[in-house]
C-alpha atoms as a PDB file:
ATOM      1  CA  MET A   1       0.000   0.000   0.000  1.00  0.00           C
ATOM      2  CA  HIS A   2       1.305   3.442  -0.906  1.00  0.00           C
ATOM      3  CA  THR A   3       1.256   5.898   1.987  1.00  0.00           C
ATOM      4  CA  ILE A   4       1.180   9.687   2.031  1.00  0.00           C
ATOM      5  CA  ARG A   5       4.585  10.807   3.275  1.00  0.00           C
ATOM      6  CA  LEU A   6       3.997  14.542   3.547  1.00  0.00           C
ATOM      7  CA  LEU A   7       1.679  14.439   6.554  1.00  0.00           C
ATOM      8  CA  PRO A   8       4.060  12.585   8.894  1.00  0.00           C
ATOM      9  CA  LEU A   9       6.533  15.387   8.180  1.00  0.00           C
ATOM     10  CA  VAL A  10       3.874  17.932   9.095  1.00  0.00           C
ATOM     11  CA  LEU A  11       3.278  16.109  12.373  1.00  0.00           C
ATOM     12  CA  PHE A  12       7.009  16.017  13.024  1.00  0.00           C
ATOM     13  CA  GLY A  13       7.203  19.754  12.450  1.00  0.00           C
ATOM     14  CA  VAL A  14       4.322  20.465  14.813  1.00  0.00           C
ATOM     15  CA  LEU A  15       5.817  18.381  17.589  1.00  0.00           C
ATOM     16  CA  THR A  16       9.283  19.782  17.036  1.00  0.00           C
ATOM     17  CA  LEU A  17       8.025  23.371  17.268  1.00  0.00           C
ATOM     18  CA  VAL A  18       6.667  22.771  20.756  1.00  0.00           C
ATOM     19  CA  GLY A  19       9.782  20.983  21.928  1.00  0.00           C
ATOM     20  CA  ILE A  20       8.347  17.492  22.256  1.00  0.00           C
ATOM     21  CA  PRO A  21      10.800  14.837  21.013  1.00  0.00           C
ATOM     22  CA  ILE A  22       9.167  12.336  18.708  1.00  0.00           C
ATOM     23  CA  ASP A  23      11.743   9.582  19.026  1.00  0.00           C
ATOM     24  CA  SER A  24      13.461   9.933  22.360  1.00  0.00           C
ATOM     25  CA  GLY A  25      13.740   8.246  25.711  1.00  0.00           C
ATOM     26  CA  ALA A  26      11.704   9.782  28.476  1.00  0.00           C
ATOM     27  CA  GLN A  27      13.164  11.962  31.190  1.00  0.00           C
ATOM     28  CA  GLY A  28      15.411   9.991  33.446  1.00  0.00           C
ATOM     29  CA  GLY A  29      17.120   7.891  30.779  1.00  0.00           C
ATOM     30  CA  GLY A  30      14.581   5.084  30.546  1.00  0.00           C
ATOM     31  CA  SER A  31      14.278   2.631  27.675  1.00  0.00           C
ATOM     32  CA  SER A  32      10.736   3.590  26.708  1.00  0.00           C
ATOM     33  CA  ALA A  33      10.162   4.843  23.171  1.00  0.00           C
ATOM     34  CA  CYS A  34       7.555   7.264  24.489  1.00  0.00           C
ATOM     35  CA  SER A  35       8.347  10.881  25.180  1.00  0.00           C
ATOM     36  CA  CYS A  36       7.130  12.682  28.284  1.00  0.00           C
ATOM     37  CA  SER A  37       4.126  14.121  26.495  1.00  0.00           C
ATOM     38  CA  GLN A  38       0.445  14.063  27.301  1.00  0.00           C
ATOM     39  CA  GLN A  39      -0.169  13.067  23.686  1.00  0.00           C
ATOM     40  CA  ASP A  40       1.909   9.887  23.947  1.00  0.00           C
ATOM     41  CA  LYS A  41       0.117   8.975  27.166  1.00  0.00           C
ATOM     42  CA  LEU A  42      -3.254   9.585  25.533  1.00  0.00           C
ATOM     43  CA  ASP A  43      -2.262   7.498  22.506  1.00  0.00           C
ATOM     44  CA  LEU A  44      -1.205   4.595  24.720  1.00  0.00           C
ATOM     45  CA  GLU A  45      -4.267   4.638  26.927  1.00  0.00           C
ATOM     46  CA  SER A  46      -6.607   4.852  23.948  1.00  0.00           C
ATOM     47  CA  ARG A  47      -4.882   1.998  22.118  1.00  0.00           C
ATOM     48  CA  ILE A  48      -4.842  -0.166  25.247  1.00  0.00           C
ATOM     49  CA  LYS A  49      -8.585   0.326  25.539  1.00  0.00           C
ATOM     50  CA  GLN A  50      -9.060  -0.566  21.870  1.00  0.00           C
ATOM     51  CA  VAL A  51      -6.906  -3.689  22.074  1.00  0.00           C
ATOM     52  CA  LYS A  52      -8.656  -4.996  25.177  1.00  0.00           C
ATOM     53  CA  PHE A  53     -12.013  -4.433  23.491  1.00  0.00           C
ATOM     54  CA  ALA A  54     -10.806  -6.216  20.342  1.00  0.00           C
ATOM     55  CA  MET A  55      -9.730  -9.239  22.356  1.00  0.00           C
ATOM     56  CA  GLN A  56     -13.139  -9.426  24.034  1.00  0.00           C
ATOM     57  CA  GLU A  57     -14.841  -9.162  20.652  1.00  0.00           C
ATOM     58  CA  LEU A  58     -12.631 -11.904  19.241  1.00  0.00           C
ATOM     59  CA  ASP A  59     -13.550 -14.200  22.130  1.00  0.00           C
ATOM     60  CA  ALA A  60     -17.219 -13.732  21.215  1.00  0.00           C
ATOM     61  CA  LEU A  61     -16.552 -14.257  17.491  1.00  0.00           C
ATOM     62  CA  ILE A  62     -14.513 -17.399  18.127  1.00  0.00           C
ATOM     63  CA  LYS A  63     -17.331 -18.852  20.212  1.00  0.00           C
ATOM     64  CA  GLU A  64     -19.830 -17.981  17.476  1.00  0.00           C
ATOM     65  CA  TRP A  65     -17.777 -19.545  14.669  1.00  0.00           C
ATOM     66  CA  GLU A  66     -17.011 -22.681  16.696  1.00  0.00           C
ATOM     67  CA  ALA A  67     -20.777 -23.128  17.106  1.00  0.00           C
ATOM     68  CA  ARG A  68     -21.192 -22.687  13.337  1.00  0.00           C
ATOM     69  CA  GLU A  69     -18.568 -25.348  12.697  1.00  0.00           C
ATOM     70  CA  LYS A  70     -20.308 -27.722  15.083  1.00  0.00           C
ATOM     71  CA  GLY A  71     -23.579 -27.142  13.265  1.00  0.00           C
ATOM     72  CA  ALA A  72     -21.948 -27.643   9.857  1.00  0.00           C
ATOM     73  CA  GLY A  73     -20.101 -30.736  10.978  1.00  0.00           C
ATOM     74  CA  GLU A  74     -16.940 -29.609   9.220  1.00  0.00           C
ATOM     75  CA  PRO A  75     -14.202 -26.934   9.447  1.00  0.00           C
ATOM     76  CA  LEU A  76     -15.157 -23.520   8.113  1.00  0.00           C
ATOM     77  CA  ILE A  77     -12.293 -22.301   5.958  1.00  0.00           C
ATOM     78  CA  LEU A  78     -11.294 -18.656   5.667  1.00  0.00           C
ATOM     79  CA  ASP A  79     -12.076 -16.815   2.441  1.00  0.00           C
ATOM     80  CA  PRO A  80     -11.693 -13.130   1.514  1.00  0.00           C
ATOM     81  CA  GLU A  81     -15.306 -12.383   2.443  1.00  0.00           C
ATOM     82  CA  SER A  82     -15.218 -13.936   5.929  1.00  0.00           C
ATOM     83  CA  LYS A  83     -11.814 -12.371   6.597  1.00  0.00           C
ATOM     84  CA  GLN A  84     -13.186  -8.957   5.640  1.00  0.00           C
ATOM     85  CA  VAL A  85     -16.197  -9.461   7.901  1.00  0.00           C
ATOM     86  CA  VAL A  86     -13.929 -10.146  10.871  1.00  0.00           C
ATOM     87  CA  GLU A  87     -11.703  -7.153  10.073  1.00  0.00           C
ATOM     88  CA  ASP A  88     -14.643  -4.782   9.534  1.00  0.00           C
ATOM     89  CA  THR A  89     -16.289  -5.921  12.760  1.00  0.00           C
ATOM     90  CA  LEU A  90     -13.138  -5.316  14.777  1.00  0.00           C
ATOM     91  CA  ASN A  91     -12.407  -1.965  13.130  1.00  0.00           C
ATOM     92  CA  PHE A  92     -15.941  -0.736  13.759  1.00  0.00           C
ATOM     93  CA  LYS A  93     -15.973  -1.850  17.383  1.00  0.00           C
ATOM     94  CA  MET A  94     -12.497  -0.470  18.110  1.00  0.00           C
ATOM     95  CA  ALA A  95     -13.288   2.888  16.520  1.00  0.00           C
ATOM     96  CA  GLY A  96     -16.176   3.234  18.924  1.00  0.00           C
ATOM     97  CA  VAL A  97     -13.980   3.073  22.024  1.00  0.00           C
ATOM     98  CA  ALA A  98     -11.002   5.095  20.767  1.00  0.00           C
ATOM     99  CA  ASP A  99     -10.292   8.516  22.223  1.00  0.00           C
ATOM    100  CA  PRO A 100     -11.053  11.005  19.402  1.00  0.00           C
ATOM    101  CA  ASN A 101      -7.875  12.939  20.243  1.00  0.00           C
ATOM    102  CA  ALA A 102      -5.589   9.909  20.119  1.00  0.00           C
ATOM    103  CA  ARG A 103      -3.389   9.081  17.142  1.00  0.00           C
ATOM    104  CA  ARG A 104      -4.014   5.745  15.425  1.00  0.00           C
ATOM    105  CA  PHE A 105      -1.782   3.924  12.948  1.00  0.00           C
ATOM    106  CA  GLY A 106      -2.118   0.715  10.983  1.00  0.00           C
ATOM    107  CA  ALA A 107       0.175  -2.184  10.141  1.00  0.00           C
ATOM    108  CA  VAL A 108      -0.073  -5.212   7.889  1.00  0.00           C
ATOM    109  CA  THR A 109       1.739  -8.463   7.106  1.00  0.00           C
ATOM    110  CA  ASP A 110       1.402  -9.275   3.409  1.00  0.00           C
ATOM    111  CA  ARG A 111       1.164 -12.641   1.670  1.00  0.00           C
ATOM    112  CA  LYS A 112       4.959 -12.771   1.383  1.00  0.00           C
ATOM    113  CA  CYS A 113       5.278 -12.396   5.164  1.00  0.00           C
ATOM    114  CA  GLN A 114       6.623  -8.851   4.888  1.00  0.00           C
ATOM    115  CA  ILE A 115       5.586  -6.408   7.612  1.00  0.00           C
ATOM    116  CA  THR A 116       4.640  -2.832   6.763  1.00  0.00           C
ATOM    117  CA  ILE A 117       4.045  -0.279   9.514  1.00  0.00           C
ATOM    118  CA  HIS A 118       2.330   3.022   8.704  1.00  0.00           C
ATOM    119  CA  SER A 119       5.059   5.532   7.915  1.00  0.00           C
ATOM    120  CA  GLY A 120       3.678   8.072  10.376  1.00  0.00           C
ATOM    121  CA  ALA A 121       3.541   5.721  13.379  1.00  0.00           C
ATOM    122  CA  THR A 122       5.178   7.258  16.438  1.00  0.00           C
ATOM    123  CA  PRO A 123       8.025   5.414  18.204  1.00  0.00           C
ATOM    124  CA  CYS A 124       5.711   5.114  21.198  1.00  0.00           C
ATOM    125  CA  LEU A 125       3.250   2.945  19.225  1.00  0.00           C
ATOM    126  CA  ARG A 126       5.485   1.429  16.552  1.00  0.00           C
ATOM    127  CA  GLY A 127       6.979  -1.272  18.761  1.00  0.00           C
ATOM    128  CA  ALA A 128       3.551  -2.563  19.774  1.00  0.00           C
ATOM    129  CA  LEU A 129       2.454  -2.701  16.122  1.00  0.00           C
ATOM    130  CA  GLU A 130       5.625  -4.593  15.238  1.00  0.00           C
ATOM    131  CA  ASP A 131       5.026  -7.091  18.050  1.00  0.00           C
ATOM    132  CA  HIS A 132       1.479  -7.666  16.804  1.00  0.00           C
ATOM    133  CA  GLU A 133       2.561  -8.217  13.209  1.00  0.00           C
ATOM    134  CA  ALA A 134       5.387 -10.526  14.311  1.00  0.00           C
ATOM    135  CA  VAL A 135       2.691 -13.009  15.354  1.00  0.00           C
ATOM    136  CA  HIS A 136       1.233 -12.961  11.832  1.00  0.00           C
ATOM    137  CA  LYS A 137       4.685 -13.259  10.287  1.00  0.00           C
ATOM    138  CA  ALA A 138       5.446 -16.310  12.436  1.00  0.00           C
ATOM    139  CA  ALA A 139       2.224 -17.939  11.198  1.00  0.00           C
ATOM    140  CA  CYS A 140       2.895 -16.931   7.595  1.00  0.00           C
ATOM    141  CA  LYS A 141       6.452 -18.178   7.134  1.00  0.00           C
ATOM    142  CA  PRO A 142       5.919 -21.947   7.623  1.00  0.00           C
ATOM    143  CA  ALA A 143       2.659 -21.781   5.642  1.00  0.00           C
ATOM    144  CA  VAL A 144       4.201 -20.239   2.524  1.00  0.00           C
ATOM    145  CA  GLU A 145       6.948 -22.859   2.552  1.00  0.00           C
ATOM    146  CA  GLN A 146       4.330 -25.557   2.052  1.00  0.00           C
ATOM    147  CA  THR A 147       2.488 -26.251  -1.197  1.00  0.00           C
ATOM    148  CA  PRO A 148       1.418 -22.853  -2.585  1.00  0.00           C
ATOM    149  CA  ILE A 149      -2.306 -22.064  -2.605  1.00  0.00           C
ATOM    150  CA  TYR A 150      -3.584 -19.661  -5.251  1.00  0.00           C
ATOM    151  CA  ASP A 151      -6.668 -17.459  -5.247  1.00  0.00           C
ATOM    152  CA  ILE A 152      -8.900 -16.930  -8.286  1.00  0.00           C
ATOM    153  CA  LEU A 153      -6.542 -14.227  -9.579  1.00  0.00           C
ATOM    154  CA  GLY A 154      -3.587 -16.590  -9.487  1.00  0.00           C
ATOM    155  CA  THR A 155      -2.000 -14.934  -6.466  1.00  0.00           C
ATOM    156  CA  ILE A 156      -0.534 -17.024  -3.677  1.00  0.00           C
ATOM    157  CA  ASN A 157      -2.646 -16.716  -0.538  1.00  0.00           C
ATOM    158  CA  TRP A 158      -1.636 -19.073   2.260  1.00  0.00           C
ATOM    159  CA  ARG A 159      -4.671 -18.144   4.343  1.00  0.00           C
ATOM    160  CA  LEU A 160      -7.043 -19.916   1.950  1.00  0.00           C
ATOM    161  CA  ASN A 161      -6.604 -23.204   3.828  1.00  0.00           C
ATOM    162  CA  GLN A 162      -6.837 -21.656   7.299  1.00  0.00           C
ATOM    163  CA  ARG A 163      -9.879 -22.099   9.525  1.00  0.00           C
ATOM    164  CA  VAL A 164     -11.761 -18.914  10.342  1.00  0.00           C
ATOM    165  CA  VAL A 165     -11.446 -19.793  14.021  1.00  0.00           C
ATOM    166  CA  ASP A 166      -7.677 -20.253  13.735  1.00  0.00           C
ATOM    167  CA  TYR A 167      -7.367 -16.903  11.975  1.00  0.00           C
ATOM    168  CA  MET A 168      -9.228 -15.191  14.806  1.00  0.00           C
ATOM    169  CA  LYS A 169      -7.130 -16.970  17.435  1.00  0.00           C
ATOM    170  CA  GLU A 170      -4.014 -15.782  15.630  1.00  0.00           C
ATOM    171  CA  GLU A 171      -5.412 -12.250  15.590  1.00  0.00           C
ATOM    172  CA  LYS A 172      -6.106 -12.412  19.313  1.00  0.00           C
ATOM    173  CA  ALA A 173      -2.547 -13.614  19.952  1.00  0.00           C
ATOM    174  CA  GLY A 174      -1.306 -10.598  17.978  1.00  0.00           C
ATOM    175  CA  TYR A 175      -3.367  -8.235  20.101  1.00  0.00           C
ATOM    176  CA  GLN A 176      -2.087  -9.933  23.252  1.00  0.00           C
ATOM    177  CA  LYS A 177       1.507  -9.246  22.232  1.00  0.00           C
ATOM    178  CA  GLU A 178       0.602  -5.698  21.298  1.00  0.00           C
ATOM    179  CA  LEU A 179      -1.079  -5.173  24.671  1.00  0.00           C
ATOM    180  CA  GLU A 180       1.977  -6.405  26.538  1.00  0.00           C
ATOM    181  CA  ARG A 181       4.191  -3.857  24.762  1.00  0.00           C
ATOM    182  CA  LEU A 182       1.678  -1.043  25.235  1.00  0.00           C
ATOM    183  CA  MET A 183       1.436  -1.721  28.965  1.00  0.00           C
ATOM    184  CA  LYS A 184       5.210  -1.814  29.216  1.00  0.00           C
ATOM    185  CA  GLU A 185       5.534   1.522  27.425  1.00  0.00           C
ATOM    186  CA  LEU A 186       2.921   3.122  29.680  1.00  0.00           C
ATOM    187  CA  GLU A 187       4.621   1.831  32.825  1.00  0.00           C
ATOM    188  CA  GLN A 188       7.996   3.083  31.589  1.00  0.00           C
ATOM    189  CA  GLN A 189       6.573   6.501  30.889  1.00  0.00           C
ATOM    190  CA  LYS A 190       5.053   6.694  34.383  1.00  0.00           C
ATOM    191  CA  LYS A 191       8.381   5.618  35.874  1.00  0.00           C
ATOM    192  CA  ASN A 192      10.600   7.966  33.881  1.00  0.00           C
ATOM    193  CA  CYS A 193       8.487  11.095  33.582  1.00  0.00           C
ATOM    194  CA  LYS A 194       7.969  13.296  36.616  1.00  0.00           C
ATOM    195  CA  THR A 195       5.886  15.687  34.545  1.00  0.00           C
ATOM    196  CA  LEU A 196       4.209  15.446  31.157  1.00  0.00           C
ATOM    197  CA  THR A 197       4.542  18.087  28.450  1.00  0.00           C
ATOM    198  CA  LYS A 198       1.308  19.373  26.965  1.00  0.00           C
ATOM    199  CA  LEU A 199       0.814  21.025  23.586  1.00  0.00           C
ATOM    200  CA  ASP A 200      -0.513  24.562  23.671  1.00  0.00           C
ATOM    201  CA  PRO A 201      -4.014  25.012  22.164  1.00  0.00           C
ATOM    202  CA  SER A 202      -2.834  26.404  18.822  1.00  0.00           C
ATOM    203  CA  MET A 203      -0.364  23.595  18.221  1.00  0.00           C
ATOM    204  CA  GLN A 204      -2.910  21.026  19.399  1.00  0.00           C
ATOM    205  CA  GLY A 205      -5.271  22.378  16.757  1.00  0.00           C
ATOM    206  CA  GLN A 206      -2.618  22.049  14.059  1.00  0.00           C
ATOM    207  CA  LEU A 207      -1.859  18.499  15.123  1.00  0.00           C
ATOM    208  CA  LYS A 208      -5.531  17.494  15.059  1.00  0.00           C
ATOM    209  CA  GLY A 209      -5.951  19.083  11.642  1.00  0.00           C
ATOM    210  CA  ALA A 210      -2.950  17.240  10.224  1.00  0.00           C
ATOM    211  CA  LEU A 211      -4.112  13.928  11.692  1.00  0.00           C
ATOM    212  CA  ALA A 212      -7.640  14.407  10.348  1.00  0.00           C
ATOM    213  CA  GLN A 213      -6.269  15.140   6.882  1.00  0.00           C
ATOM    214  CA  GLN A 214      -4.022  12.087   7.097  1.00  0.00           C
ATOM    215  CA  GLU A 215      -7.004   9.867   7.902  1.00  0.00           C
ATOM    216  CA  ARG A 216      -9.061  11.361   5.052  1.00  0.00           C
ATOM    217  CA  LEU A 217      -6.284  10.772   2.535  1.00  0.00           C
ATOM    218  CA  GLN A 218      -5.689   7.245   3.811  1.00  0.00           C
ATOM    219  CA  SER A 219      -9.415   6.504   3.521  1.00  0.00           C
ATOM    220  CA  ALA A 220      -9.450   7.827  -0.040  1.00  0.00           C
ATOM    221  CA  ASN A 221      -6.395   5.736  -0.858  1.00  0.00           C
ATOM    222  CA  ASN A 222      -8.091   2.616   0.519  1.00  0.00           C
ATOM    223  CA  ARG A 223     -11.177   3.249  -1.614  1.00  0.00           C
ATOM    224  CA  LEU A 224      -9.036   3.641  -4.722  1.00  0.00           C
ATOM    225  CA  GLU A 225      -7.218   0.397  -3.982  1.00  0.00           C
ATOM    226  CA  SER A 226     -10.525  -1.442  -3.491  1.00  0.00           C
ATOM    227  CA  TYR A 227     -11.810  -0.023  -6.777  1.00  0.00           C
ATOM    228  CA  GLY A 228      -8.637  -1.092  -8.546  1.00  0.00           C
ATOM    229  CA  LYS A 229      -8.967  -4.641  -7.232  1.00  0.00           C
ATOM    230  CA  SER A 230     -12.572  -4.813  -8.425  1.00  0.00           C
ATOM    231  CA  LEU A 231     -11.389  -4.093 -11.968  1.00  0.00           C
ATOM    232  CA  ASN A 232      -8.862  -6.956 -11.997  1.00  0.00           C
END
């Protein structure tokens, strides 16, 4: 996926102007990737809430799909439609519990087991995203080394022989790893930061505007990609 690279630079400029380091250890020489900023703390707390909610939702979905399998008397195998349903359900539920002022960034592990983290992801959140995607990469690598499975477009897709339930369990394991890193970052920030730096109102407004524009452009990019796939 192509990402818009200008906006992360805008965010960097906003944070730099107010003296908040984007990629620095917190006060006191700790190992946390988070700075001593209210924004980093807000981002962490919001994401922790989202991840916990996602794990609860996955527990319910797993129970539902296991009941479906029992009724069908056979494994229910993942396909693009069922995978999209799971993803859309989680995204919708997680969006509902996110703090509107928190920054949110995506990550993906492609069919070749390569991890891509959103270019604008802050150091405070990047490690947790990497830990999450590492779970998917670990599941991907042995699968792609087996007999290749191709979708209707002739593209290798190792998930086409995976149970829906196993996919959701893998997703939950990814969120568990992400949660562990997020909690660690939050604890490190509390330990290392005696005070938290807050953006002044004007800079906060600029940051929100840049983030909103980033999300709009990313949404437009996603729609274009979906349209392009529909033409193939």
